[in-house]
Amino acid sequence: MSHPTPARVATRYLSAPAMVRLVQTLGIEACLRGIAECIRADFGRWPDFDKTPASPTTRTLASSS
């Protein structure tokens, strides 16, 4: 599985029905392996992540949704 290398990566919404089709097509094992690979890759790039604390406004908006 390839991972994007730019500083900012666009996030795409994956609906529940689309996720069901993906798992049915690839199989649960392949999907979970892919997720695990992405998590490993993200932790490998940990120093590159913006770890600036969220503002109170951001936390309020996130908790109200």
PDB file of N, CA and C in Angstrom:
ATOM      1  N   MET A   1       0.849  -1.174   0.000  1.00  0.00           N
ATOM      2  CA  MET A   1       0.000   0.000   0.000  1.00  0.00           C
ATOM      3  C   MET A   1       0.890   1.231   0.000  1.00  0.00           C
ATOM      4  N   SER A   2       0.640   2.169  -0.888  1.00  0.00           N
ATOM      5  CA  SER A   2       1.445   3.387  -0.929  1.00  0.00           C
ATOM      6  C   SER A   2       0.800   4.471  -0.089  1.00  0.00           C
ATOM      7  N   HIS A   3       1.629   5.329   0.451  1.00  0.00           N
ATOM      8  CA  HIS A   3       1.145   6.404   1.306  1.00  0.00           C
ATOM      9  C   HIS A   3       1.565   7.729   0.701  1.00  0.00           C
ATOM     10  N   PRO A   4       0.678   8.728   0.726  1.00  0.00           N
ATOM     11  CA  PRO A   4       1.031  10.041   0.194  1.00  0.00           C
ATOM     12  C   PRO A   4       2.175  10.656   0.988  1.00  0.00           C
ATOM     13  N   THR A   5       3.028  11.413   0.316  1.00  0.00           N
ATOM     14  CA  THR A   5       4.160  12.021   1.000  1.00  0.00           C
ATOM     15  C   THR A   5       4.048  13.532   1.205  1.00  0.00           C
ATOM     16  N   PRO A   6       3.064  14.242   0.598  1.00  0.00           N
ATOM     17  CA  PRO A   6       3.004  15.681   0.822  1.00  0.00           C
ATOM     18  C   PRO A   6       2.738  16.024   2.280  1.00  0.00           C
ATOM     19  N   ALA A   7       3.064  17.275   2.658  1.00  0.00           N
ATOM     20  CA  ALA A   7       2.855  17.718   4.034  1.00  0.00           C
ATOM     21  C   ALA A   7       1.373  17.655   4.405  1.00  0.00           C
ATOM     22  N   ARG A   8       0.513  17.994   3.458  1.00  0.00           N
ATOM     23  CA  ARG A   8      -0.929  17.953   3.721  1.00  0.00           C
ATOM     24  C   ARG A   8      -1.556  16.897   2.818  1.00  0.00           C
ATOM     25  N   VAL A   9      -2.371  16.058   3.427  1.00  0.00           N
ATOM     26  CA  VAL A   9      -3.030  14.993   2.676  1.00  0.00           C
ATOM     27  C   VAL A   9      -4.534  15.257   2.717  1.00  0.00           C
ATOM     28  N   ALA A  10      -5.164  15.241   1.573  1.00  0.00           N
ATOM     29  CA  ALA A  10      -6.613  15.433   1.535  1.00  0.00           C
ATOM     30  C   ALA A  10      -7.302  14.228   2.158  1.00  0.00           C
ATOM     31  N   THR A  11      -8.324  14.479   2.935  1.00  0.00           N
ATOM     32  CA  THR A  11      -9.086  13.417   3.566  1.00  0.00           C
ATOM     33  C   THR A  11     -10.380  13.235   2.794  1.00  0.00           C
ATOM     34  N   ARG A  12     -10.681  11.999   2.459  1.00  0.00           N
ATOM     35  CA  ARG A  12     -11.926  11.701   1.759  1.00  0.00           C
ATOM     36  C   ARG A  12     -12.894  11.031   2.714  1.00  0.00           C
ATOM     37  N   TYR A  13     -14.158  11.387   2.602  1.00  0.00           N
ATOM     38  CA  TYR A  13     -15.207  10.784   3.417  1.00  0.00           C
ATOM     39  C   TYR A  13     -15.510   9.389   2.890  1.00  0.00           C
ATOM     40  N   LEU A  14     -15.606   8.436   3.774  1.00  0.00           N
ATOM     41  CA  LEU A  14     -15.954   7.070   3.410  1.00  0.00           C
ATOM     42  C   LEU A  14     -17.245   6.715   4.147  1.00  0.00           C
ATOM     43  N   SER A  15     -18.335   6.645   3.416  1.00  0.00           N
ATOM     44  CA  SER A  15     -19.635   6.346   4.033  1.00  0.00           C
ATOM     45  C   SER A  15     -19.673   4.891   4.501  1.00  0.00           C
ATOM     46  N   ALA A  16     -20.617   4.606   5.369  1.00  0.00           N
ATOM     47  CA  ALA A  16     -20.770   3.229   5.849  1.00  0.00           C
ATOM     48  C   ALA A  16     -21.064   2.258   4.700  1.00  0.00           C
ATOM     49  N   PRO A  17     -21.985   2.595   3.774  1.00  0.00           N
ATOM     50  CA  PRO A  17     -22.224   1.665   2.655  1.00  0.00           C
ATOM     51  C   PRO A  17     -20.980   1.445   1.793  1.00  0.00           C
ATOM     52  N   ALA A  18     -20.186   2.510   1.595  1.00  0.00           N
ATOM     53  CA  ALA A  18     -18.957   2.364   0.810  1.00  0.00           C
ATOM     54  C   ALA A  18     -17.957   1.477   1.553  1.00  0.00           C
ATOM     55  N   MET A  19     -17.916   1.600   2.873  1.00  0.00           N
ATOM     56  CA  MET A  19     -17.012   0.766   3.667  1.00  0.00           C
ATOM     57  C   MET A  19     -17.430  -0.704   3.583  1.00  0.00           C
ATOM     58  N   VAL A  20     -18.724  -0.966   3.616  1.00  0.00           N
ATOM     59  CA  VAL A  20     -19.223  -2.337   3.492  1.00  0.00           C
ATOM     60  C   VAL A  20     -18.784  -2.921   2.147  1.00  0.00           C
ATOM     61  N   ARG A  21     -18.947  -2.140   1.071  1.00  0.00           N
ATOM     62  CA  ARG A  21     -18.542  -2.625  -0.260  1.00  0.00           C
ATOM     63  C   ARG A  21     -17.040  -2.880  -0.312  1.00  0.00           C
ATOM     64  N   LEU A  22     -16.272  -1.995   0.313  1.00  0.00           N
ATOM     65  CA  LEU A  22     -14.817  -2.158   0.330  1.00  0.00           C
ATOM     66  C   LEU A  22     -14.416  -3.447   1.037  1.00  0.00           C
ATOM     67  N   VAL A  23     -15.003  -3.694   2.197  1.00  0.00           N
ATOM     68  CA  VAL A  23     -14.689  -4.915   2.950  1.00  0.00           C
ATOM     69  C   VAL A  23     -15.153  -6.152   2.183  1.00  0.00           C
ATOM     70  N   GLN A  24     -16.318  -6.073   1.545  1.00  0.00           N
ATOM     71  CA  GLN A  24     -16.801  -7.218   0.764  1.00  0.00           C
ATOM     72  C   GLN A  24     -15.884  -7.491  -0.429  1.00  0.00           C
ATOM     73  N   THR A  25     -15.329  -6.429  -1.006  1.00  0.00           N
ATOM     74  CA  THR A  25     -14.468  -6.584  -2.175  1.00  0.00           C
ATOM     75  C   THR A  25     -13.073  -7.087  -1.792  1.00  0.00           C
ATOM     76  N   LEU A  26     -12.465  -6.452  -0.790  1.00  0.00           N
ATOM     77  CA  LEU A  26     -11.085  -6.773  -0.418  1.00  0.00           C
ATOM     78  C   LEU A  26     -10.970  -7.873   0.620  1.00  0.00           C
ATOM     79  N   GLY A  27     -11.992  -8.017   1.450  1.00  0.00           N
ATOM     80  CA  GLY A  27     -11.946  -8.964   2.565  1.00  0.00           C
ATOM     81  C   GLY A  27     -11.519  -8.237   3.838  1.00  0.00           C
ATOM     82  N   ILE A  28     -12.022  -8.721   4.951  1.00  0.00           N
ATOM     83  CA  ILE A  28     -11.750  -8.064   6.238  1.00  0.00           C
ATOM     84  C   ILE A  28     -10.264  -8.098   6.584  1.00  0.00           C
ATOM     85  N   GLU A  29      -9.599  -9.203   6.297  1.00  0.00           N
ATOM     86  CA  GLU A  29      -8.180  -9.319   6.636  1.00  0.00           C
ATOM     87  C   GLU A  29      -7.347  -8.276   5.890  1.00  0.00           C
ATOM     88  N   ALA A  30      -7.581  -8.136   4.600  1.00  0.00           N
ATOM     89  CA  ALA A  30      -6.839  -7.150   3.800  1.00  0.00           C
ATOM     90  C   ALA A  30      -7.133  -5.728   4.277  1.00  0.00           C
ATOM     91  N   CYS A  31      -8.390  -5.456   4.617  1.00  0.00           N
ATOM     92  CA  CYS A  31      -8.747  -4.119   5.101  1.00  0.00           C
ATOM     93  C   CYS A  31      -8.037  -3.801   6.419  1.00  0.00           C
ATOM     94  N   LEU A  32      -8.051  -4.750   7.339  1.00  0.00           N
ATOM     95  CA  LEU A  32      -7.399  -4.522   8.630  1.00  0.00           C
ATOM     96  C   LEU A  32      -5.879  -4.399   8.479  1.00  0.00           C
ATOM     97  N   ARG A  33      -5.294  -5.189   7.585  1.00  0.00           N
ATOM     98  CA  ARG A  33      -3.856  -5.055   7.330  1.00  0.00           C
ATOM     99  C   ARG A  33      -3.536  -3.668   6.775  1.00  0.00           C
ATOM    100  N   GLY A  34      -4.361  -3.195   5.851  1.00  0.00           N
ATOM    101  CA  GLY A  34      -4.160  -1.867   5.270  1.00  0.00           C
ATOM    102  C   GLY A  34      -4.253  -0.772   6.310  1.00  0.00           C
ATOM    103  N   ILE A  35      -5.234  -0.874   7.192  1.00  0.00           N
ATOM    104  CA  ILE A  35      -5.383   0.109   8.274  1.00  0.00           C
ATOM    105  C   ILE A  35      -4.153   0.072   9.174  1.00  0.00           C
ATOM    106  N   ALA A  36      -3.704  -1.127   9.539  1.00  0.00           N
ATOM    107  CA  ALA A  36      -2.530  -1.270  10.408  1.00  0.00           C
ATOM    108  C   ALA A  36      -1.282  -0.681   9.751  1.00  0.00           C
ATOM    109  N   GLU A  37      -1.120  -0.887   8.439  1.00  0.00           N
ATOM    110  CA  GLU A  37       0.027  -0.331   7.724  1.00  0.00           C
ATOM    111  C   GLU A  37      -0.011   1.204   7.749  1.00  0.00           C
ATOM    112  N   CYS A  38      -1.188   1.766   7.568  1.00  0.00           N
ATOM    113  CA  CYS A  38      -1.317   3.229   7.600  1.00  0.00           C
ATOM    114  C   CYS A  38      -1.001   3.784   8.984  1.00  0.00           C
ATOM    115  N   ILE A  39      -1.456   3.102  10.019  1.00  0.00           N
ATOM    116  CA  ILE A  39      -1.163   3.547  11.383  1.00  0.00           C
ATOM    117  C   ILE A  39       0.345   3.491  11.643  1.00  0.00           C
ATOM    118  N   ARG A  40       0.987   2.380  11.224  1.00  0.00           N
ATOM    119  CA  ARG A  40       2.447   2.269  11.386  1.00  0.00           C
ATOM    120  C   ARG A  40       3.163   3.403  10.660  1.00  0.00           C
ATOM    121  N   ALA A  41       2.743   3.675   9.431  1.00  0.00           N
ATOM    122  CA  ALA A  41       3.368   4.744   8.646  1.00  0.00           C
ATOM    123  C   ALA A  41       3.170   6.101   9.330  1.00  0.00           C
ATOM    124  N   ASP A  42       1.971   6.345   9.873  1.00  0.00           N
ATOM    125  CA  ASP A  42       1.719   7.613  10.561  1.00  0.00           C
ATOM    126  C   ASP A  42       2.618   7.757  11.782  1.00  0.00           C
ATOM    127  N   PHE A  43       2.759   6.710  12.574  1.00  0.00           N
ATOM    128  CA  PHE A  43       3.630   6.792  13.750  1.00  0.00           C
ATOM    129  C   PHE A  43       5.084   7.004  13.341  1.00  0.00           C
ATOM    130  N   GLY A  44       5.467   6.463  12.200  1.00  0.00           N
ATOM    131  CA  GLY A  44       6.821   6.688  11.693  1.00  0.00           C
ATOM    132  C   GLY A  44       7.061   8.139  11.314  1.00  0.00           C
ATOM    133  N   ARG A  45       5.986   8.866  10.994  1.00  0.00           N
ATOM    134  CA  ARG A  45       6.088  10.282  10.638  1.00  0.00           C
ATOM    135  C   ARG A  45       5.717  11.184  11.811  1.00  0.00           C
ATOM    136  N   TRP A  46       5.664  10.658  13.007  1.00  0.00           N
ATOM    137  CA  TRP A  46       5.220  11.407  14.180  1.00  0.00           C
ATOM    138  C   TRP A  46       5.904  12.773  14.317  1.00  0.00           C
ATOM    139  N   PRO A  47       7.219  12.883  14.093  1.00  0.00           N
ATOM    140  CA  PRO A  47       7.851  14.200  14.227  1.00  0.00           C
ATOM    141  C   PRO A  47       7.305  15.236  13.239  1.00  0.00           C
ATOM    142  N   ASP A  48       6.726  14.795  12.131  1.00  0.00           N
ATOM    143  CA  ASP A  48       6.205  15.715  11.118  1.00  0.00           C
ATOM    144  C   ASP A  48       4.819  16.263  11.447  1.00  0.00           C
ATOM    145  N   PHE A  49       4.100  15.648  12.377  1.00  0.00           N
ATOM    146  CA  PHE A  49       2.742  16.066  12.684  1.00  0.00           C
ATOM    147  C   PHE A  49       2.728  17.377  13.464  1.00  0.00           C
ATOM    148  N   ASP A  50       1.715  18.194  13.209  1.00  0.00           N
ATOM    149  CA  ASP A  50       1.506  19.429  13.970  1.00  0.00           C
ATOM    150  C   ASP A  50       0.897  19.030  15.304  1.00  0.00           C
ATOM    151  N   LYS A  51       1.635  19.237  16.360  1.00  0.00           N
ATOM    152  CA  LYS A  51       1.168  18.846  17.688  1.00  0.00           C
ATOM    153  C   LYS A  51       0.787  20.067  18.518  1.00  0.00           C
ATOM    154  N   THR A  52       0.408  21.146  17.833  1.00  0.00           N
ATOM    155  CA  THR A  52      -0.035  22.351  18.513  1.00  0.00           C
ATOM    156  C   THR A  52      -1.356  22.057  19.216  1.00  0.00           C
ATOM    157  N   PRO A  53      -1.472  22.429  20.491  1.00  0.00           N
ATOM    158  CA  PRO A  53      -2.739  22.175  21.194  1.00  0.00           C
ATOM    159  C   PRO A  53      -3.903  22.860  20.484  1.00  0.00           C
ATOM    160  N   ALA A  54      -5.038  22.223  20.510  1.00  0.00           N
ATOM    161  CA  ALA A  54      -6.241  22.798  19.908  1.00  0.00           C
ATOM    162  C   ALA A  54      -6.705  23.982  20.745  1.00  0.00           C
ATOM    163  N   SER A  55      -7.288  24.941  20.099  1.00  0.00           N
ATOM    164  CA  SER A  55      -7.819  26.110  20.823  1.00  0.00           C
ATOM    165  C   SER A  55      -9.098  25.708  21.543  1.00  0.00           C
ATOM    166  N   PRO A  56      -9.505  26.467  22.570  1.00  0.00           N
ATOM    167  CA  PRO A  56     -10.771  26.149  23.252  1.00  0.00           C
ATOM    168  C   PRO A  56     -11.942  26.111  22.286  1.00  0.00           C
ATOM    169  N   THR A  57     -11.936  26.959  21.269  1.00  0.00           N
ATOM    170  CA  THR A  57     -13.018  26.975  20.287  1.00  0.00           C
ATOM    171  C   THR A  57     -13.064  25.662  19.531  1.00  0.00           C
ATOM    172  N   THR A  58     -11.917  25.148  19.125  1.00  0.00           N
ATOM    173  CA  THR A  58     -11.858  23.886  18.407  1.00  0.00           C
ATOM    174  C   THR A  58     -12.395  22.758  19.269  1.00  0.00           C
ATOM    175  N   ARG A  59     -11.978  22.722  20.536  1.00  0.00           N
ATOM    176  CA  ARG A  59     -12.459  21.658  21.427  1.00  0.00           C
ATOM    177  C   ARG A  59     -13.967  21.765  21.633  1.00  0.00           C
ATOM    178  N   THR A  60     -14.498  22.974  21.766  1.00  0.00           N
ATOM    179  CA  THR A  60     -15.930  23.168  21.958  1.00  0.00           C
ATOM    180  C   THR A  60     -16.693  22.688  20.735  1.00  0.00           C
ATOM    181  N   LEU A  61     -16.228  23.051  19.551  1.00  0.00           N
ATOM    182  CA  LEU A  61     -16.892  22.623  18.313  1.00  0.00           C
ATOM    183  C   LEU A  61     -16.851  21.112  18.162  1.00  0.00           C
ATOM    184  N   ALA A  62     -15.731  20.513  18.496  1.00  0.00           N
ATOM    185  CA  ALA A  62     -15.584  19.058  18.337  1.00  0.00           C
ATOM    186  C   ALA A  62     -16.489  18.314  19.310  1.00  0.00           C
ATOM    187  N   SER A  63     -16.619  18.821  20.525  1.00  0.00           N
ATOM    188  CA  SER A  63     -17.417  18.110  21.514  1.00  0.00           C
ATOM    189  C   SER A  63     -18.926  18.307  21.316  1.00  0.00           C
ATOM    190  N   SER A  64     -19.318  19.345  20.569  1.00  0.00           N
ATOM    191  CA  SER A  64     -20.744  19.584  20.360  1.00  0.00           C
ATOM    192  C   SER A  64     -21.301  18.825  19.181  1.00  0.00           C
ATOM    193  N   SER A  65     -20.444  18.160  18.396  1.00  0.00           N
ATOM    194  CA  SER A  65     -20.964  17.429  17.218  1.00  0.00           C
ATOM    195  C   SER A  65     -21.272  15.996  17.538  1.00  0.00           C
TER     196      SER A  65
END
